[in-house]
């Protein structure tokens, strides 16, 4: 798995909420098209966004970066913020599957 991480420090929580909403709508619409394996958008109380986009294949991640750079350019043109982005490979990751918990409760 390959992960693209965006750390976007907005000027305020209000701007962070608007940017998070925009990012969720735009990135959520790209899940199937960009072959995204997992997407997390986190908003801190200071207005900082952490966006992690996971891919099963490095080529999918590279294609996502080149095809959808304008999404982050739109944020830059709308808000003043400091941003960092980097790539990573998860070393340890745990996620409980929500569907198993729901199905277990329905059958039990």
PDB file of N, CA and C in Angstrom:
ATOM      1  N   UNK A   1       0.844  -1.176   0.000  1.00  0.00           N
ATOM      2  CA  UNK A   1       0.000   0.000   0.000  1.00  0.00           C
ATOM      3  C   UNK A   1       0.886   1.236   0.000  1.00  0.00           C
ATOM      4  N   UNK A   2       0.438   2.259  -0.698  1.00  0.00           N
ATOM      5  CA  UNK A   2       1.165   3.514  -0.826  1.00  0.00           C
ATOM      6  C   UNK A   2       0.253   4.639  -0.357  1.00  0.00           C
ATOM      7  N   UNK A   3       0.816   5.586   0.352  1.00  0.00           N
ATOM      8  CA  UNK A   3       0.020   6.652   0.945  1.00  0.00           C
ATOM      9  C   UNK A   3       0.564   8.016   0.560  1.00  0.00           C
ATOM     10  N   UNK A   4      -0.332   8.883   0.157  1.00  0.00           N
ATOM     11  CA  UNK A   4      -0.011  10.292  -0.084  1.00  0.00           C
ATOM     12  C   UNK A   4      -0.622  11.048   1.081  1.00  0.00           C
ATOM     13  N   UNK A   5       0.181  11.854   1.768  1.00  0.00           N
ATOM     14  CA  UNK A   5      -0.262  12.578   2.957  1.00  0.00           C
ATOM     15  C   UNK A   5      -0.155  14.071   2.697  1.00  0.00           C
ATOM     16  N   UNK A   6      -1.241  14.774   2.971  1.00  0.00           N
ATOM     17  CA  UNK A   6      -1.276  16.231   2.846  1.00  0.00           C
ATOM     18  C   UNK A   6      -1.504  16.819   4.232  1.00  0.00           C
ATOM     19  N   UNK A   7      -0.654  17.737   4.635  1.00  0.00           N
ATOM     20  CA  UNK A   7      -0.769  18.462   5.907  1.00  0.00           C
ATOM     21  C   UNK A   7      -1.016  19.917   5.530  1.00  0.00           C
ATOM     22  N   UNK A   8      -2.230  20.390   5.764  1.00  0.00           N
ATOM     23  CA  UNK A   8      -2.627  21.723   5.318  1.00  0.00           C
ATOM     24  C   UNK A   8      -3.052  22.542   6.533  1.00  0.00           C
ATOM     25  N   UNK A   9      -2.252  23.540   6.882  1.00  0.00           N
ATOM     26  CA  UNK A   9      -2.514  24.376   8.055  1.00  0.00           C
ATOM     27  C   UNK A   9      -3.253  25.638   7.622  1.00  0.00           C
ATOM     28  N   UNK A  10      -4.554  25.658   7.914  1.00  0.00           N
ATOM     29  CA  UNK A  10      -5.385  26.805   7.564  1.00  0.00           C
ATOM     30  C   UNK A  10      -5.245  27.894   8.630  1.00  0.00           C
ATOM     31  N   UNK A  11      -5.685  29.097   8.298  1.00  0.00           N
ATOM     32  CA  UNK A  11      -5.556  30.232   9.214  1.00  0.00           C
ATOM     33  C   UNK A  11      -6.513  30.141  10.405  1.00  0.00           C
ATOM     34  N   UNK A  12      -7.653  29.455  10.229  1.00  0.00           N
ATOM     35  CA  UNK A  12      -8.633  29.373  11.317  1.00  0.00           C
ATOM     36  C   UNK A  12      -9.439  28.086  11.193  1.00  0.00           C
ATOM     37  N   UNK A  13     -10.155  27.756  12.251  1.00  0.00           N
ATOM     38  CA  UNK A  13     -11.022  26.581  12.238  1.00  0.00           C
ATOM     39  C   UNK A  13     -12.131  26.744  11.209  1.00  0.00           C
ATOM     40  N   UNK A  14     -12.663  27.941  11.068  1.00  0.00           N
ATOM     41  CA  UNK A  14     -13.729  28.185  10.090  1.00  0.00           C
ATOM     42  C   UNK A  14     -13.241  27.882   8.675  1.00  0.00           C
ATOM     43  N   UNK A  15     -12.062  28.378   8.320  1.00  0.00           N
ATOM     44  CA  UNK A  15     -11.493  28.086   7.003  1.00  0.00           C
ATOM     45  C   UNK A  15     -11.207  26.594   6.862  1.00  0.00           C
ATOM     46  N   UNK A  16     -10.760  25.976   7.938  1.00  0.00           N
ATOM     47  CA  UNK A  16     -10.491  24.540   7.922  1.00  0.00           C
ATOM     48  C   UNK A  16     -11.750  23.733   7.643  1.00  0.00           C
ATOM     49  N   UNK A  17     -12.875  24.138   8.243  1.00  0.00           N
ATOM     50  CA  UNK A  17     -14.145  23.443   8.007  1.00  0.00           C
ATOM     51  C   UNK A  17     -14.570  23.556   6.545  1.00  0.00           C
ATOM     52  N   UNK A  18     -14.430  24.736   5.978  1.00  0.00           N
ATOM     53  CA  UNK A  18     -14.803  24.949   4.572  1.00  0.00           C
ATOM     54  C   UNK A  18     -13.890  24.116   3.670  1.00  0.00           C
ATOM     55  N   UNK A  19     -12.592  24.151   3.939  1.00  0.00           N
ATOM     56  CA  UNK A  19     -11.635  23.393   3.127  1.00  0.00           C
ATOM     57  C   UNK A  19     -11.864  21.886   3.278  1.00  0.00           C
ATOM     58  N   UNK A  20     -12.194  21.436   4.484  1.00  0.00           N
ATOM     59  CA  UNK A  20     -12.454  20.008   4.707  1.00  0.00           C
ATOM     60  C   UNK A  20     -13.680  19.555   3.929  1.00  0.00           C
ATOM     61  N   UNK A  21     -14.707  20.379   3.919  1.00  0.00           N
ATOM     62  CA  UNK A  21     -15.922  20.059   3.181  1.00  0.00           C
ATOM     63  C   UNK A  21     -15.636  19.961   1.687  1.00  0.00           C
ATOM     64  N   UNK A  22     -14.894  20.922   1.181  1.00  0.00           N
ATOM     65  CA  UNK A  22     -14.510  20.923  -0.235  1.00  0.00           C
ATOM     66  C   UNK A  22     -13.684  19.681  -0.569  1.00  0.00           C
ATOM     67  N   UNK A  23     -12.691  19.389   0.257  1.00  0.00           N
ATOM     68  CA  UNK A  23     -11.826  18.240   0.008  1.00  0.00           C
ATOM     69  C   UNK A  23     -12.608  16.935   0.061  1.00  0.00           C
ATOM     70  N   UNK A  24     -13.514  16.818   1.021  1.00  0.00           N
ATOM     71  CA  UNK A  24     -14.316  15.598   1.136  1.00  0.00           C
ATOM     72  C   UNK A  24     -15.191  15.398  -0.093  1.00  0.00           C
ATOM     73  N   UNK A  25     -15.808  16.461  -0.554  1.00  0.00           N
ATOM     74  CA  UNK A  25     -16.680  16.361  -1.724  1.00  0.00           C
ATOM     75  C   UNK A  25     -15.870  16.013  -2.978  1.00  0.00           C
ATOM     76  N   UNK A  26     -14.785  16.718  -3.184  1.00  0.00           N
ATOM     77  CA  UNK A  26     -13.972  16.503  -4.386  1.00  0.00           C
ATOM     78  C   UNK A  26     -13.267  15.150  -4.370  1.00  0.00           C
ATOM     79  N   UNK A  27     -12.595  14.833  -3.270  1.00  0.00           N
ATOM     80  CA  UNK A  27     -11.857  13.575  -3.200  1.00  0.00           C
ATOM     81  C   UNK A  27     -12.798  12.376  -3.128  1.00  0.00           C
ATOM     82  N   UNK A  28     -13.909  12.532  -2.430  1.00  0.00           N
ATOM     83  CA  UNK A  28     -14.884  11.446  -2.354  1.00  0.00           C
ATOM     84  C   UNK A  28     -15.398  11.055  -3.722  1.00  0.00           C
ATOM     85  N   UNK A  29     -15.535  12.027  -4.597  1.00  0.00           N
ATOM     86  CA  UNK A  29     -15.988  11.760  -5.947  1.00  0.00           C
ATOM     87  C   UNK A  29     -14.943  11.105  -6.838  1.00  0.00           C
ATOM     88  N   UNK A  30     -13.706  11.047  -6.358  1.00  0.00           N
ATOM     89  CA  UNK A  30     -12.612  10.471  -7.155  1.00  0.00           C
ATOM     90  C   UNK A  30     -12.235   9.053  -6.734  1.00  0.00           C
ATOM     91  N   UNK A  31     -12.914   8.506  -5.742  1.00  0.00           N
ATOM     92  CA  UNK A  31     -12.513   7.204  -5.187  1.00  0.00           C
ATOM     93  C   UNK A  31     -12.448   6.131  -6.269  1.00  0.00           C
ATOM     94  N   UNK A  32     -13.522   5.931  -7.010  1.00  0.00           N
ATOM     95  CA  UNK A  32     -13.530   4.883  -8.033  1.00  0.00           C
ATOM     96  C   UNK A  32     -12.633   5.248  -9.207  1.00  0.00           C
ATOM     97  N   UNK A  33     -12.735   6.491  -9.674  1.00  0.00           N
ATOM     98  CA  UNK A  33     -11.976   6.930 -10.852  1.00  0.00           C
ATOM     99  C   UNK A  33     -10.464   6.825 -10.639  1.00  0.00           C
ATOM    100  N   UNK A  34     -10.014   7.137  -9.428  1.00  0.00           N
ATOM    101  CA  UNK A  34      -8.580   7.146  -9.140  1.00  0.00           C
ATOM    102  C   UNK A  34      -8.099   5.873  -8.463  1.00  0.00           C
ATOM    103  N   UNK A  35      -8.990   4.891  -8.317  1.00  0.00           N
ATOM    104  CA  UNK A  35      -8.646   3.616  -7.690  1.00  0.00           C
ATOM    105  C   UNK A  35      -8.071   3.822  -6.285  1.00  0.00           C
ATOM    106  N   UNK A  36      -8.734   4.669  -5.505  1.00  0.00           N
ATOM    107  CA  UNK A  36      -8.307   4.965  -4.133  1.00  0.00           C
ATOM    108  C   UNK A  36      -8.724   3.809  -3.225  1.00  0.00           C
ATOM    109  N   UNK A  37      -7.767   3.276  -2.466  1.00  0.00           N
ATOM    110  CA  UNK A  37      -8.038   2.164  -1.557  1.00  0.00           C
ATOM    111  C   UNK A  37      -8.614   2.652  -0.231  1.00  0.00           C
ATOM    112  N   UNK A  38      -8.187   3.823   0.233  1.00  0.00           N
ATOM    113  CA  UNK A  38      -8.683   4.391   1.485  1.00  0.00           C
ATOM    114  C   UNK A  38      -8.460   5.896   1.460  1.00  0.00           C
ATOM    115  N   UNK A  39      -9.354   6.611   2.118  1.00  0.00           N
ATOM    116  CA  UNK A  39      -9.281   8.070   2.175  1.00  0.00           C
ATOM    117  C   UNK A  39      -9.649   8.518   3.576  1.00  0.00           C
ATOM    118  N   UNK A  40      -8.809   9.331   4.183  1.00  0.00           N
ATOM    119  CA  UNK A  40      -9.086   9.902   5.505  1.00  0.00           C
ATOM    120  C   UNK A  40      -8.873  11.402   5.433  1.00  0.00           C
ATOM    121  N   UNK A  41      -9.828  12.159   5.953  1.00  0.00           N
ATOM    122  CA  UNK A  41      -9.694  13.604   6.055  1.00  0.00           C
ATOM    123  C   UNK A  41      -9.947  13.962   7.512  1.00  0.00           C
ATOM    124  N   UNK A  42      -8.935  14.492   8.162  1.00  0.00           N
ATOM    125  CA  UNK A  42      -9.014  14.836   9.576  1.00  0.00           C
ATOM    126  C   UNK A  42      -8.906  16.345   9.736  1.00  0.00           C
ATOM    127  N   UNK A  43      -9.691  16.903  10.636  1.00  0.00           N
ATOM    128  CA  UNK A  43      -9.668  18.338  10.918  1.00  0.00           C
ATOM    129  C   UNK A  43      -9.360  18.543  12.391  1.00  0.00           C
ATOM    130  N   UNK A  44      -8.285  19.255  12.672  1.00  0.00           N
ATOM    131  CA  UNK A  44      -7.913  19.569  14.053  1.00  0.00           C
ATOM    132  C   UNK A  44      -8.618  20.848  14.499  1.00  0.00           C
ATOM    133  N   UNK A  45      -8.696  21.059  15.800  1.00  0.00           N
ATOM    134  CA  UNK A  45      -9.412  22.217  16.331  1.00  0.00           C
ATOM    135  C   UNK A  45      -8.760  23.547  15.959  1.00  0.00           C
ATOM    136  N   UNK A  46      -7.494  23.510  15.518  1.00  0.00           N
ATOM    137  CA  UNK A  46      -6.809  24.736  15.087  1.00  0.00           C
ATOM    138  C   UNK A  46      -7.101  25.064  13.630  1.00  0.00           C
ATOM    139  N   UNK A  47      -7.768  24.134  12.913  1.00  0.00           N
ATOM    140  CA  UNK A  47      -8.061  24.350  11.503  1.00  0.00           C
ATOM    141  C   UNK A  47      -7.107  23.634  10.564  1.00  0.00           C
ATOM    142  N   UNK A  48      -6.254  22.791  11.092  1.00  0.00           N
ATOM    143  CA  UNK A  48      -5.317  22.042  10.268  1.00  0.00           C
ATOM    144  C   UNK A  48      -5.995  20.797   9.712  1.00  0.00           C
ATOM    145  N   UNK A  49      -5.794  20.562   8.417  1.00  0.00           N
ATOM    146  CA  UNK A  49      -6.318  19.369   7.763  1.00  0.00           C
ATOM    147  C   UNK A  49      -5.194  18.366   7.556  1.00  0.00           C
ATOM    148  N   UNK A  50      -5.501  17.121   7.801  1.00  0.00           N
ATOM    149  CA  UNK A  50      -4.620  16.015   7.452  1.00  0.00           C
ATOM    150  C   UNK A  50      -5.421  15.137   6.502  1.00  0.00           C
ATOM    151  N   UNK A  51      -4.924  15.005   5.298  1.00  0.00           N
ATOM    152  CA  UNK A  51      -5.600  14.185   4.299  1.00  0.00           C
ATOM    153  C   UNK A  51      -4.654  13.054   3.921  1.00  0.00           C
ATOM    154  N   UNK A  52      -5.106  11.823   4.080  1.00  0.00           N
ATOM    155  CA  UNK A  52      -4.319  10.677   3.651  1.00  0.00           C
ATOM    156  C   UNK A  52      -5.107   9.939   2.576  1.00  0.00           C
ATOM    157  N   UNK A  53      -4.427   9.662   1.483  1.00  0.00           N
ATOM    158  CA  UNK A  53      -5.034   8.963   0.359  1.00  0.00           C
ATOM    159  C   UNK A  53      -4.185   7.721   0.112  1.00  0.00           C
ATOM    160  N   UNK A  54      -4.799   6.552   0.234  1.00  0.00           N
ATOM    161  CA  UNK A  54      -4.073   5.292   0.089  1.00  0.00           C
ATOM    162  C   UNK A  54      -4.376   4.627  -1.247  1.00  0.00           C
ATOM    163  N   UNK A  55      -3.344   4.014  -1.787  1.00  0.00           N
ATOM    164  CA  UNK A  55      -3.443   3.312  -3.062  1.00  0.00           C
ATOM    165  C   UNK A  55      -2.770   1.952  -2.922  1.00  0.00           C
ATOM    166  N   UNK A  56      -3.267   0.974  -3.668  1.00  0.00           N
ATOM    167  CA  UNK A  56      -2.632  -0.339  -3.685  1.00  0.00           C
ATOM    168  C   UNK A  56      -1.421  -0.371  -4.607  1.00  0.00           C
ATOM    169  N   UNK A  57      -1.367   0.561  -5.533  1.00  0.00           N
ATOM    170  CA  UNK A  57      -0.319   0.556  -6.548  1.00  0.00           C
ATOM    171  C   UNK A  57       0.337   1.941  -6.639  1.00  0.00           C
ATOM    172  N   UNK A  58       1.658   1.973  -6.756  1.00  0.00           N
ATOM    173  CA  UNK A  58       2.381   3.250  -6.832  1.00  0.00           C
ATOM    174  C   UNK A  58       1.993   4.031  -8.085  1.00  0.00           C
ATOM    175  N   UNK A  59       1.703   3.342  -9.175  1.00  0.00           N
ATOM    176  CA  UNK A  59       1.311   4.026 -10.407  1.00  0.00           C
ATOM    177  C   UNK A  59      -0.020   4.755 -10.249  1.00  0.00           C
ATOM    178  N   UNK A  60      -0.946   4.161  -9.486  1.00  0.00           N
ATOM    179  CA  UNK A  60      -2.225   4.834  -9.215  1.00  0.00           C
ATOM    180  C   UNK A  60      -1.987   6.124  -8.427  1.00  0.00           C
ATOM    181  N   UNK A  61      -1.057   6.077  -7.469  1.00  0.00           N
ATOM    182  CA  UNK A  61      -0.759   7.267  -6.674  1.00  0.00           C
ATOM    183  C   UNK A  61      -0.144   8.358  -7.551  1.00  0.00           C
ATOM    184  N   UNK A  62       0.781   8.001  -8.392  1.00  0.00           N
ATOM    185  CA  UNK A  62       1.420   8.980  -9.281  1.00  0.00           C
ATOM    186  C   UNK A  62       0.407   9.595 -10.244  1.00  0.00           C
ATOM    187  N   UNK A  63      -0.471   8.763 -10.772  1.00  0.00           N
ATOM    188  CA  UNK A  63      -1.500   9.255 -11.690  1.00  0.00           C
ATOM    189  C   UNK A  63      -2.452  10.200 -10.963  1.00  0.00           C
ATOM    190  N   UNK A  64      -2.820   9.861  -9.735  1.00  0.00           N
ATOM    191  CA  UNK A  64      -3.688  10.726  -8.925  1.00  0.00           C
ATOM    192  C   UNK A  64      -3.030  12.087  -8.733  1.00  0.00           C
ATOM    193  N   UNK A  65      -1.761  12.098  -8.384  1.00  0.00           N
ATOM    194  CA  UNK A  65      -1.047  13.343  -8.143  1.00  0.00           C
ATOM    195  C   UNK A  65      -1.036  14.226  -9.387  1.00  0.00           C
ATOM    196  N   UNK A  66      -0.770  13.645 -10.526  1.00  0.00           N
ATOM    197  CA  UNK A  66      -0.700  14.461 -11.741  1.00  0.00           C
ATOM    198  C   UNK A  66      -2.081  14.854 -12.252  1.00  0.00           C
ATOM    199  N   UNK A  67      -3.044  13.961 -12.157  1.00  0.00           N
ATOM    200  CA  UNK A  67      -4.381  14.242 -12.688  1.00  0.00           C
ATOM    201  C   UNK A  67      -5.192  15.219 -11.832  1.00  0.00           C
ATOM    202  N   UNK A  68      -4.910  15.260 -10.544  1.00  0.00           N
ATOM    203  CA  UNK A  68      -5.767  16.036  -9.644  1.00  0.00           C
ATOM    204  C   UNK A  68      -5.024  17.117  -8.862  1.00  0.00           C
ATOM    205  N   UNK A  69      -3.929  17.600  -9.405  1.00  0.00           N
ATOM    206  CA  UNK A  69      -3.182  18.688  -8.766  1.00  0.00           C
ATOM    207  C   UNK A  69      -4.032  19.947  -8.673  1.00  0.00           C
ATOM    208  N   UNK A  70      -4.941  20.140  -9.625  1.00  0.00           N
ATOM    209  CA  UNK A  70      -5.778  21.347  -9.631  1.00  0.00           C
ATOM    210  C   UNK A  70      -6.688  21.438  -8.404  1.00  0.00           C
ATOM    211  N   UNK A  71      -7.053  20.295  -7.842  1.00  0.00           N
ATOM    212  CA  UNK A  71      -7.880  20.303  -6.631  1.00  0.00           C
ATOM    213  C   UNK A  71      -7.175  21.086  -5.520  1.00  0.00           C
ATOM    214  N   UNK A  72      -5.886  20.814  -5.337  1.00  0.00           N
ATOM    215  CA  UNK A  72      -5.129  21.504  -4.294  1.00  0.00           C
ATOM    216  C   UNK A  72      -4.753  22.924  -4.731  1.00  0.00           C
ATOM    217  N   UNK A  73      -4.618  23.149  -6.024  1.00  0.00           N
ATOM    218  CA  UNK A  73      -4.397  24.508  -6.526  1.00  0.00           C
ATOM    219  C   UNK A  73      -5.618  25.378  -6.248  1.00  0.00           C
ATOM    220  N   UNK A  74      -6.817  24.804  -6.370  1.00  0.00           N
ATOM    221  CA  UNK A  74      -8.044  25.546  -6.056  1.00  0.00           C
ATOM    222  C   UNK A  74      -8.087  25.949  -4.585  1.00  0.00           C
ATOM    223  N   UNK A  75      -7.648  25.066  -3.708  1.00  0.00           N
ATOM    224  CA  UNK A  75      -7.577  25.419  -2.283  1.00  0.00           C
ATOM    225  C   UNK A  75      -6.596  26.563  -2.070  1.00  0.00           C
ATOM    226  N   UNK A  76      -5.432  26.476  -2.735  1.00  0.00           N
ATOM    227  CA  UNK A  76      -4.407  27.519  -2.591  1.00  0.00           C
ATOM    228  C   UNK A  76      -4.911  28.876  -3.056  1.00  0.00           C
ATOM    229  N   UNK A  77      -5.700  28.876  -4.113  1.00  0.00           N
ATOM    230  CA  UNK A  77      -6.189  30.151  -4.628  1.00  0.00           C
ATOM    231  C   UNK A  77      -7.341  30.702  -3.800  1.00  0.00           C
ATOM    232  N   UNK A  78      -7.978  29.859  -2.998  1.00  0.00           N
ATOM    233  CA  UNK A  78      -9.118  30.297  -2.181  1.00  0.00           C
ATOM    234  C   UNK A  78      -8.736  30.691  -0.760  1.00  0.00           C
ATOM    235  N   UNK A  79      -7.668  30.102  -0.240  1.00  0.00           N
ATOM    236  CA  UNK A  79      -7.281  30.325   1.153  1.00  0.00           C
ATOM    237  C   UNK A  79      -5.786  30.585   1.250  1.00  0.00           C
ATOM    238  N   UNK A  80      -5.401  31.217   2.351  1.00  0.00           N
ATOM    239  CA  UNK A  80      -3.988  31.352   2.669  1.00  0.00           C
ATOM    240  C   UNK A  80      -3.664  30.252   3.670  1.00  0.00           C
ATOM    241  N   UNK A  81      -2.721  29.412   3.330  1.00  0.00           N
ATOM    242  CA  UNK A  81      -2.356  28.336   4.237  1.00  0.00           C
ATOM    243  C   UNK A  81      -0.945  27.852   3.956  1.00  0.00           C
ATOM    244  N   UNK A  82      -0.423  27.091   4.905  1.00  0.00           N
ATOM    245  CA  UNK A  82       0.872  26.441   4.744  1.00  0.00           C
ATOM    246  C   UNK A  82       0.601  24.966   4.496  1.00  0.00           C
ATOM    247  N   UNK A  83       1.292  24.403   3.536  1.00  0.00           N
ATOM    248  CA  UNK A  83       1.045  23.000   3.205  1.00  0.00           C
ATOM    249  C   UNK A  83       2.336  22.225   3.048  1.00  0.00           C
ATOM    250  N   UNK A  84       2.254  20.973   3.413  1.00  0.00           N
ATOM    251  CA  UNK A  84       3.319  20.010   3.171  1.00  0.00           C
ATOM    252  C   UNK A  84       2.639  18.769   2.635  1.00  0.00           C
ATOM    253  N   UNK A  85       3.287  18.105   1.729  1.00  0.00           N
ATOM    254  CA  UNK A  85       2.780  16.810   1.314  1.00  0.00           C
ATOM    255  C   UNK A  85       3.952  15.880   1.120  1.00  0.00           C
ATOM    256  N   UNK A  86       3.721  14.623   1.403  1.00  0.00           N
ATOM    257  CA  UNK A  86       4.771  13.636   1.255  1.00  0.00           C
ATOM    258  C   UNK A  86       4.161  12.270   1.033  1.00  0.00           C
ATOM    259  N   UNK A  87       5.006  11.363   0.595  1.00  0.00           N
ATOM    260  CA  UNK A  87       4.577   9.995   0.339  1.00  0.00           C
ATOM    261  C   UNK A  87       5.145   9.088   1.413  1.00  0.00           C
ATOM    262  N   UNK A  88       4.410   8.026   1.706  1.00  0.00           N
ATOM    263  CA  UNK A  88       4.854   7.088   2.731  1.00  0.00           C
ATOM    264  C   UNK A  88       4.339   5.695   2.404  1.00  0.00           C
ATOM    265  N   UNK A  89       4.976   4.722   3.017  1.00  0.00           N
ATOM    266  CA  UNK A  89       4.503   3.349   2.955  1.00  0.00           C
ATOM    267  C   UNK A  89       4.167   2.960   4.389  1.00  0.00           C
ATOM    268  N   UNK A  90       2.927   2.560   4.654  1.00  0.00           N
ATOM    269  CA  UNK A  90       2.568   2.190   6.026  1.00  0.00           C
ATOM    270  C   UNK A  90       3.413   1.024   6.537  1.00  0.00           C
ATOM    271  N   UNK A  91       3.927   1.174   7.737  1.00  0.00           N
ATOM    272  CA  UNK A  91       4.714   0.124   8.362  1.00  0.00           C
ATOM    273  C   UNK A  91       3.811  -0.732   9.244  1.00  0.00           C
ATOM    274  N   UNK A  92       2.885  -0.106   9.922  1.00  0.00           N
ATOM    275  CA  UNK A  92       1.905  -0.819  10.744  1.00  0.00           C
ATOM    276  C   UNK A  92       0.590  -0.081  10.627  1.00  0.00           C
ATOM    277  N   UNK A  93      -0.469  -0.831  10.436  1.00  0.00           N
ATOM    278  CA  UNK A  93      -1.781  -0.213  10.294  1.00  0.00           C
ATOM    279  C   UNK A  93      -2.828  -1.176  10.800  1.00  0.00           C
ATOM    280  N   UNK A  94      -3.765  -0.679  11.558  1.00  0.00           N
ATOM    281  CA  UNK A  94      -4.879  -1.495  12.036  1.00  0.00           C
ATOM    282  C   UNK A  94      -6.167  -0.736  11.790  1.00  0.00           C
ATOM    283  N   UNK A  95      -7.127  -1.394  11.204  1.00  0.00           N
ATOM    284  CA  UNK A  95      -8.472  -0.832  11.043  1.00  0.00           C
ATOM    285  C   UNK A  95      -9.467  -1.955  11.241  1.00  0.00           C
ATOM    286  N   UNK A  96     -10.355  -1.780  12.169  1.00  0.00           N
ATOM    287  CA  UNK A  96     -11.421  -2.749  12.351  1.00  0.00           C
ATOM    288  C   UNK A  96     -12.442  -2.508  11.259  1.00  0.00           C
ATOM    289  N   UNK A  97     -12.901  -3.530  10.631  1.00  0.00           N
ATOM    290  CA  UNK A  97     -13.876  -3.383   9.568  1.00  0.00           C
ATOM    291  C   UNK A  97     -15.260  -3.172  10.163  1.00  0.00           C
ATOM    292  N   UNK A  98     -15.865  -2.041   9.832  1.00  0.00           N
ATOM    293  CA  UNK A  98     -17.183  -1.700  10.355  1.00  0.00           C
ATOM    294  C   UNK A  98     -18.233  -2.702   9.898  1.00  0.00           C
ATOM    295  N   UNK A  99     -18.109  -3.227   8.693  1.00  0.00           N
ATOM    296  CA  UNK A  99     -19.123  -4.149   8.174  1.00  0.00           C
ATOM    297  C   UNK A  99     -19.169  -5.431   8.996  1.00  0.00           C
ATOM    298  N   UNK A 100     -18.032  -5.919   9.460  1.00  0.00           N
ATOM    299  CA  UNK A 100     -18.033  -7.125  10.272  1.00  0.00           C
ATOM    300  C   UNK A 100     -18.738  -6.896  11.594  1.00  0.00           C
ATOM    301  N   UNK A 101     -18.523  -5.738  12.218  1.00  0.00           N
ATOM    302  CA  UNK A 101     -19.164  -5.427  13.487  1.00  0.00           C
ATOM    303  C   UNK A 101     -20.678  -5.308  13.312  1.00  0.00           C
ATOM    304  N   UNK A 102     -21.100  -4.680  12.230  1.00  0.00           N
ATOM    305  CA  UNK A 102     -22.536  -4.515  11.975  1.00  0.00           C
ATOM    306  C   UNK A 102     -23.173  -5.865  11.681  1.00  0.00           C
ATOM    307  N   UNK A 103     -22.544  -6.639  10.815  1.00  0.00           N
ATOM    308  CA  UNK A 103     -23.107  -7.944  10.460  1.00  0.00           C
ATOM    309  C   UNK A 103     -23.133  -8.884  11.648  1.00  0.00           C
ATOM    310  N   UNK A 104     -22.108  -8.816  12.481  1.00  0.00           N
ATOM    311  CA  UNK A 104     -22.080  -9.656  13.697  1.00  0.00           C
ATOM    312  C   UNK A 104     -23.240  -9.335  14.616  1.00  0.00           C
ATOM    313  N   UNK A 105     -23.594  -8.061  14.721  1.00  0.00           N
ATOM    314  CA  UNK A 105     -24.711  -7.651  15.571  1.00  0.00           C
ATOM    315  C   UNK A 105     -26.047  -8.062  14.987  1.00  0.00           C
ATOM    316  N   UNK A 106     -26.136  -8.158  13.666  1.00  0.00           N
ATOM    317  CA  UNK A 106     -27.391  -8.534  13.025  1.00  0.00           C
ATOM    318  C   UNK A 106     -27.650 -10.034  13.101  1.00  0.00           C
ATOM    319  N   UNK A 107     -26.583 -10.818  13.107  1.00  0.00           N
ATOM    320  CA  UNK A 107     -26.768 -12.266  13.108  1.00  0.00           C
ATOM    321  C   UNK A 107     -26.823 -12.851  14.504  1.00  0.00           C
ATOM    322  N   UNK A 108     -26.412 -12.088  15.494  1.00  0.00           N
ATOM    323  CA  UNK A 108     -26.316 -12.624  16.852  1.00  0.00           C
ATOM    324  C   UNK A 108     -27.471 -12.375  17.654  1.00  0.00           C
TER     325      UNK A 108
END
